[in-house]
Each structure stands twice: as C-alpha cells, then as structure tokens.
Amino acid sequence: MARVFSSHPDRSVFDRVLARIESELAPFVEPLPDLVANVSLSRAMGALATRDYEDCVAHATEWRRALLEVGNLRAACEASNTLGFVNLTLGNYASAEAALTAGVESARRLGLPREIAQCSANLALVLGRTGRLPQALEMARESLATFRALGEGPLQASSLLDLAILSWEAGDAPAAEQYAREGVRVADSAHTSLTVYGRAALARILLARGTIEEATVLASDAYRQRDVDDAGA
C-alpha cells in the first residue's frame, strides 16, 4: 500500500501510510516472508524518496531476500533492479553489477523481456562507468529496442537519455545529440518528470558542441520546469 502512495504529491500521505504499516508490524516477532517483503519494499521506497540511499540498499536487500524465500521470482527481478540502481547511484559498482547481473539472468530464465531490459539498462550504465563503453552501448541499445517493442514510453525516454550520455562518453557527439533530442521528445509526451533531466542533458551536449543559443534556451526551460516540480512537491 505504501508503494501506491510513494508517488503522491503530498509526501505526508506516504509518511502516514508507512507509519501505520510500522505500527501494525510491531506485534510480530517473526513476520511471514511475504509480509516482510511488502514492508521492506515500503521502507525502501521511503528511503529512496528521501535520498537515503544507504538505508534503501539495506531494505531493498531484505525485500529481495524475502521475495526469493516465497518464490516470487518476477518481483525479485524488480528488487534486483532497484538494488542495482541504488548501488549505482552510490558508486558501489561491484555490488550494482552483481545485483543487476543476477536480475538479468533470473529474468532470462523466466522469459521476462521487460525485466531483462530494465536490469540491462542499468547494467549498461555500470559498464559505462567502469570503462566498458562498447559493451555498455550494445546493451543499452538492446534495452531500448525492447522498450520500443513493448511500447514502454517512460522507459524509452530514460533509455534514450542514458544512450545520449554513454555515446557522449564514447566520443560520438552526433549520436549523443540525436539520442538526447529523441529522449526529450519522448519524455515530453510520455514522462514529464524526465523532461528536466533530458533538457539539461541535451543543453550540456549542445553547449559542448558550440550550439550556445539553443543550449541556453533548453537550460532555462529545465530550470523553470524544476522550479515548477519543486513547488508541486
């Protein structure tokens, strides 16, 4: 239930739901694994929302362990992706790679293309940040192709922007610009929360390529949208 409210614009709603969950859990000495999984997920979402990444890692680890115990393998792939992403954010690349690789392998055994692509997309970023750019680009392109085939607009936008950054780091400025422009277009129509990130990324690429006027406009748009998002939070 807390997961449902984690995206609510009023953060206090999520906090109240999580507090109620914690109070209901208190009497249990050894909660059932499925209850542990649900509560750990709520705690991980709460920690992620407040950018307490270390706490999020701990709860996501417990979430995945409990899911594996009850045999919910599809959800365990999602937990592996979350755990990998948060470790990636923290710069714990070895831990991120281990979690994401486990998620990809499990999703392949289960025949889950969306989960394969999600874990692979984050794994591509790990590979890119650890000096394996050709492999990272190939994996990111495969993930993008899957998201397109599945009609996953928000995931397409995120994947395109990741490819823009990876292409830039690989020294392919034209490809970076192309991916970034398409990423902004898809984000504008499918996932407005990525609009700020996309416009800022494209602005940096254009600025480095000498397209200063357009870069300035995009950067200004990103700052304005960020202020709007912050005001609504």
Protein backbone atom coordinates (compact mmCIF):
# COMPACT_ATOMS: atom_id res chain seq x y z
CA MET A 1 0.00 0.00 0.00
CA ALA A 2 2.82 2.43 0.83
CA ARG A 3 4.19 1.88 -2.64
CA VAL A 4 0.94 3.18 -4.14
CA PHE A 5 1.27 6.40 -2.15
CA SER A 6 5.02 6.83 -2.74
CA SER A 7 4.33 8.94 -5.85
CA HIS A 8 1.61 11.01 -4.19
CA PRO A 9 2.41 14.74 -4.47
CA ASP A 10 1.79 15.17 -0.73
CA ARG A 11 4.73 13.44 0.94
CA SER A 12 2.93 13.40 4.30
CA VAL A 13 0.38 10.92 2.91
CA PHE A 14 3.14 8.39 2.25
CA ASP A 15 4.68 9.05 5.67
CA ARG A 16 1.36 8.38 7.41
CA VAL A 17 0.78 5.16 5.49
CA LEU A 18 4.30 3.93 6.26
CA ALA A 19 3.90 4.82 9.95
CA ARG A 20 0.65 2.81 10.07
CA ILE A 21 2.38 -0.16 8.46
CA GLU A 22 5.20 0.03 11.01
CA SER A 23 2.72 0.09 13.91
CA GLU A 24 0.82 -2.92 12.53
CA LEU A 25 4.09 -4.84 12.14
CA ALA A 26 5.32 -4.19 15.68
CA PRO A 27 3.50 -7.12 17.40
CA PHE A 28 5.03 -9.72 15.05
CA VAL A 29 8.25 -11.36 16.31
CA GLU A 30 8.82 -13.34 13.10
CA PRO A 31 6.58 -11.96 10.34
CA LEU A 32 5.74 -14.14 7.35
CA PRO A 33 8.17 -13.68 4.42
CA ASP A 34 5.52 -12.14 2.16
CA LEU A 35 4.76 -9.56 4.86
CA VAL A 36 8.49 -8.90 5.29
CA ALA A 37 8.77 -8.39 1.53
CA ASN A 38 5.92 -5.86 1.42
CA VAL A 39 7.14 -3.93 4.46
CA SER A 40 10.75 -3.92 3.22
CA LEU A 41 9.53 -2.56 -0.12
CA SER A 42 7.67 0.24 1.66
CA ARG A 43 10.74 1.07 3.72
CA ALA A 44 12.95 1.03 0.63
CA MET A 45 10.58 3.37 -1.21
CA GLY A 46 10.55 5.71 1.77
CA ALA A 47 14.33 5.77 1.94
CA LEU A 48 14.60 6.30 -1.82
CA ALA A 49 12.13 9.20 -1.68
CA THR A 50 14.31 10.96 0.91
CA ARG A 51 17.53 10.03 -0.94
CA ASP A 52 18.74 7.93 1.99
CA TYR A 53 20.44 5.51 -0.37
CA GLU A 54 22.33 3.52 2.23
CA ASP A 55 19.07 2.76 4.05
CA CYS A 56 17.40 1.98 0.75
CA VAL A 57 20.09 -0.61 -0.06
CA ALA A 58 19.52 -2.35 3.27
CA HIS A 59 15.75 -2.54 2.82
CA ALA A 60 15.96 -3.50 -0.88
CA THR A 61 18.32 -6.33 0.04
CA GLU A 62 15.80 -7.60 2.61
CA TRP A 63 12.98 -7.14 0.09
CA ARG A 64 14.75 -9.32 -2.49
CA ARG A 65 15.68 -11.97 0.09
CA ALA A 66 12.06 -12.28 1.26
CA LEU A 67 10.74 -12.46 -2.31
CA LEU A 68 13.14 -15.27 -3.15
CA GLU A 69 12.04 -17.08 0.02
CA VAL A 70 8.38 -17.05 -1.01
CA GLY A 71 9.22 -17.83 -4.64
CA ASN A 72 8.03 -14.54 -6.17
CA LEU A 73 10.75 -14.55 -8.81
CA ARG A 74 9.29 -11.86 -11.08
CA ALA A 75 9.18 -9.35 -8.22
CA ALA A 76 12.67 -10.48 -7.15
CA CYS A 77 13.94 -9.34 -10.57
CA GLU A 78 12.43 -5.91 -9.87
CA ALA A 79 14.09 -5.89 -6.46
CA SER A 80 17.43 -6.75 -8.08
CA ASN A 81 16.98 -3.81 -10.45
CA THR A 82 16.20 -1.42 -7.59
CA LEU A 83 19.14 -2.70 -5.57
CA GLY A 84 21.45 -2.36 -8.55
CA PHE A 85 20.24 1.15 -9.37
CA VAL A 86 20.73 2.43 -5.82
CA ASN A 87 24.21 0.88 -5.58
CA LEU A 88 24.99 2.50 -8.94
CA THR A 89 23.89 5.85 -7.52
CA LEU A 90 26.18 5.33 -4.54
CA GLY A 91 29.12 4.40 -6.77
CA ASN A 92 29.18 0.83 -5.44
CA TYR A 93 29.75 -0.53 -8.92
CA ALA A 94 30.71 -4.09 -7.98
CA SER A 95 27.58 -4.52 -5.86
CA ALA A 96 25.45 -2.88 -8.55
CA GLU A 97 26.84 -5.19 -11.23
CA ALA A 98 26.27 -8.28 -9.09
CA ALA A 99 22.63 -7.40 -8.34
CA LEU A 100 21.81 -6.41 -11.92
CA THR A 101 23.53 -9.43 -13.46
CA ALA A 102 21.55 -11.68 -11.12
CA GLY A 103 18.38 -9.86 -12.17
CA VAL A 104 19.12 -10.26 -15.88
CA GLU A 105 19.94 -13.95 -15.52
CA SER A 106 16.80 -14.66 -13.49
CA ALA A 107 14.59 -12.69 -15.89
CA ARG A 108 16.03 -14.64 -18.84
CA ARG A 109 15.27 -17.95 -17.18
CA LEU A 110 11.71 -16.78 -16.58
CA GLY A 111 11.27 -15.28 -20.06
CA LEU A 112 10.53 -11.73 -18.88
CA PRO A 113 11.61 -9.27 -21.61
CA ARG A 114 10.63 -6.11 -19.72
CA GLU A 115 12.57 -7.13 -16.62
CA ILE A 116 15.56 -8.21 -18.73
CA ALA A 117 15.61 -4.79 -20.41
CA GLN A 118 15.20 -2.87 -17.15
CA CYS A 119 18.08 -4.63 -15.41
CA SER A 120 20.19 -4.46 -18.58
CA ALA A 121 19.61 -0.71 -18.95
CA ASN A 122 21.04 -0.04 -15.51
CA LEU A 123 23.77 -2.64 -16.02
CA ALA A 124 24.79 -0.73 -19.18
CA LEU A 125 25.39 2.36 -17.03
CA VAL A 126 27.54 0.31 -14.65
CA LEU A 127 29.58 -0.99 -17.58
CA GLY A 128 29.97 2.52 -18.96
CA ARG A 129 31.21 3.88 -15.65
CA THR A 130 33.71 1.07 -15.27
CA GLY A 131 35.39 1.56 -18.63
CA ARG A 132 33.45 -0.92 -20.81
CA LEU A 133 31.74 1.53 -23.14
CA PRO A 134 31.38 -0.65 -26.28
CA GLN A 135 29.63 -3.36 -24.26
CA ALA A 136 27.59 -0.73 -22.44
CA LEU A 137 26.34 0.84 -25.68
CA GLU A 138 25.38 -2.51 -27.17
CA MET A 139 23.44 -3.48 -24.05
CA ALA A 140 21.72 -0.08 -23.84
CA ARG A 141 20.64 -0.29 -27.49
CA GLU A 142 19.18 -3.76 -26.91
CA SER A 143 17.23 -2.46 -23.92
CA LEU A 144 15.90 0.47 -25.94
CA ALA A 145 14.77 -1.89 -28.72
CA THR A 146 12.85 -3.96 -26.17
CA PHE A 147 11.19 -0.92 -24.62
CA ARG A 148 10.13 0.25 -28.08
CA ALA A 149 8.71 -3.17 -28.95
CA LEU A 150 6.75 -3.20 -25.69
CA GLY A 151 5.51 0.37 -26.14
CA GLU A 152 7.07 1.48 -22.84
CA GLY A 153 7.21 5.27 -23.34
CA PRO A 154 8.74 6.31 -19.99
CA LEU A 155 11.38 3.58 -20.16
CA GLN A 156 12.15 4.56 -23.76
CA ALA A 157 12.76 8.15 -22.67
CA SER A 158 15.07 7.09 -19.85
CA SER A 159 16.92 4.66 -22.12
CA LEU A 160 17.41 7.27 -24.85
CA LEU A 161 18.88 9.74 -22.37
CA ASP A 162 21.19 7.06 -20.96
CA LEU A 163 22.34 6.31 -24.51
CA ALA A 164 22.99 10.01 -25.06
CA ILE A 165 25.33 10.11 -22.06
CA LEU A 166 27.06 6.84 -22.99
CA SER A 167 27.53 7.99 -26.60
CA TRP A 168 28.99 11.29 -25.41
CA GLU A 169 31.41 9.48 -23.11
CA ALA A 170 32.38 7.26 -26.05
CA GLY A 171 33.24 10.36 -28.09
CA ASP A 172 30.31 10.11 -30.52
CA ALA A 173 28.87 13.62 -30.23
CA PRO A 174 26.42 13.39 -33.19
CA ALA A 175 24.88 10.19 -31.79
CA ALA A 176 24.72 11.73 -28.32
CA GLU A 177 22.81 14.72 -29.66
CA GLN A 178 20.45 12.53 -31.68
CA TYR A 179 19.62 10.31 -28.69
CA ALA A 180 19.20 13.31 -26.41
CA ARG A 181 16.81 15.07 -28.81
CA GLU A 182 14.68 11.96 -29.18
CA GLY A 183 14.81 11.40 -25.43
CA VAL A 184 13.47 14.90 -24.76
CA ARG A 185 10.71 14.40 -27.34
CA VAL A 186 9.61 11.09 -25.82
CA ALA A 187 9.89 12.44 -22.26
CA ASP A 188 7.71 15.44 -23.12
CA SER A 189 4.91 13.14 -24.26
CA ALA A 190 5.36 10.11 -22.00
CA HIS A 191 7.19 11.00 -18.81
CA THR A 192 7.28 14.67 -17.87
CA SER A 193 9.38 14.01 -14.75
CA LEU A 194 12.27 13.17 -17.10
CA THR A 195 11.86 16.43 -19.02
CA VAL A 196 14.20 18.38 -16.73
CA TYR A 197 16.90 15.72 -16.91
CA GLY A 198 16.52 15.39 -20.67
CA ARG A 199 16.64 19.10 -21.45
CA ALA A 200 19.59 19.62 -19.13
CA ALA A 201 21.48 16.72 -20.74
CA LEU A 202 20.78 18.00 -24.25
CA ALA A 203 21.79 21.53 -23.22
CA ARG A 204 25.17 20.26 -21.98
CA ILE A 205 25.78 18.37 -25.21
CA LEU A 206 24.81 21.34 -27.40
CA LEU A 207 26.91 23.72 -25.32
CA ALA A 208 29.95 21.48 -25.75
CA ARG A 209 29.27 21.36 -29.49
CA GLY A 210 29.06 25.15 -29.71
CA THR A 211 25.30 25.48 -30.21
CA ILE A 212 25.12 28.07 -27.47
CA GLU A 213 21.80 29.81 -28.18
CA GLU A 214 19.71 26.63 -28.23
CA ALA A 215 21.61 25.26 -25.22
CA THR A 216 20.76 28.39 -23.25
CA VAL A 217 17.06 28.10 -24.08
CA LEU A 218 16.98 24.43 -23.10
CA ALA A 219 18.81 25.08 -19.84
CA SER A 220 16.39 27.88 -18.98
CA ASP A 221 13.43 25.61 -19.73
CA ALA A 222 14.93 22.90 -17.49
CA TYR A 223 15.36 25.34 -14.59
CA ARG A 224 11.81 26.62 -14.98
CA GLN A 225 10.40 23.10 -15.03
CA ARG A 226 12.48 22.16 -11.99
CA ASP A 227 11.02 25.11 -10.08
CA VAL A 228 7.51 24.01 -11.08
CA ASP A 229 8.20 20.44 -9.94
CA ASP A 230 9.70 21.62 -6.64
CA ALA A 231 6.70 23.86 -5.99
CA GLY A 232 4.34 20.95 -6.54
CA ALA A 233 6.29 18.54 -4.35
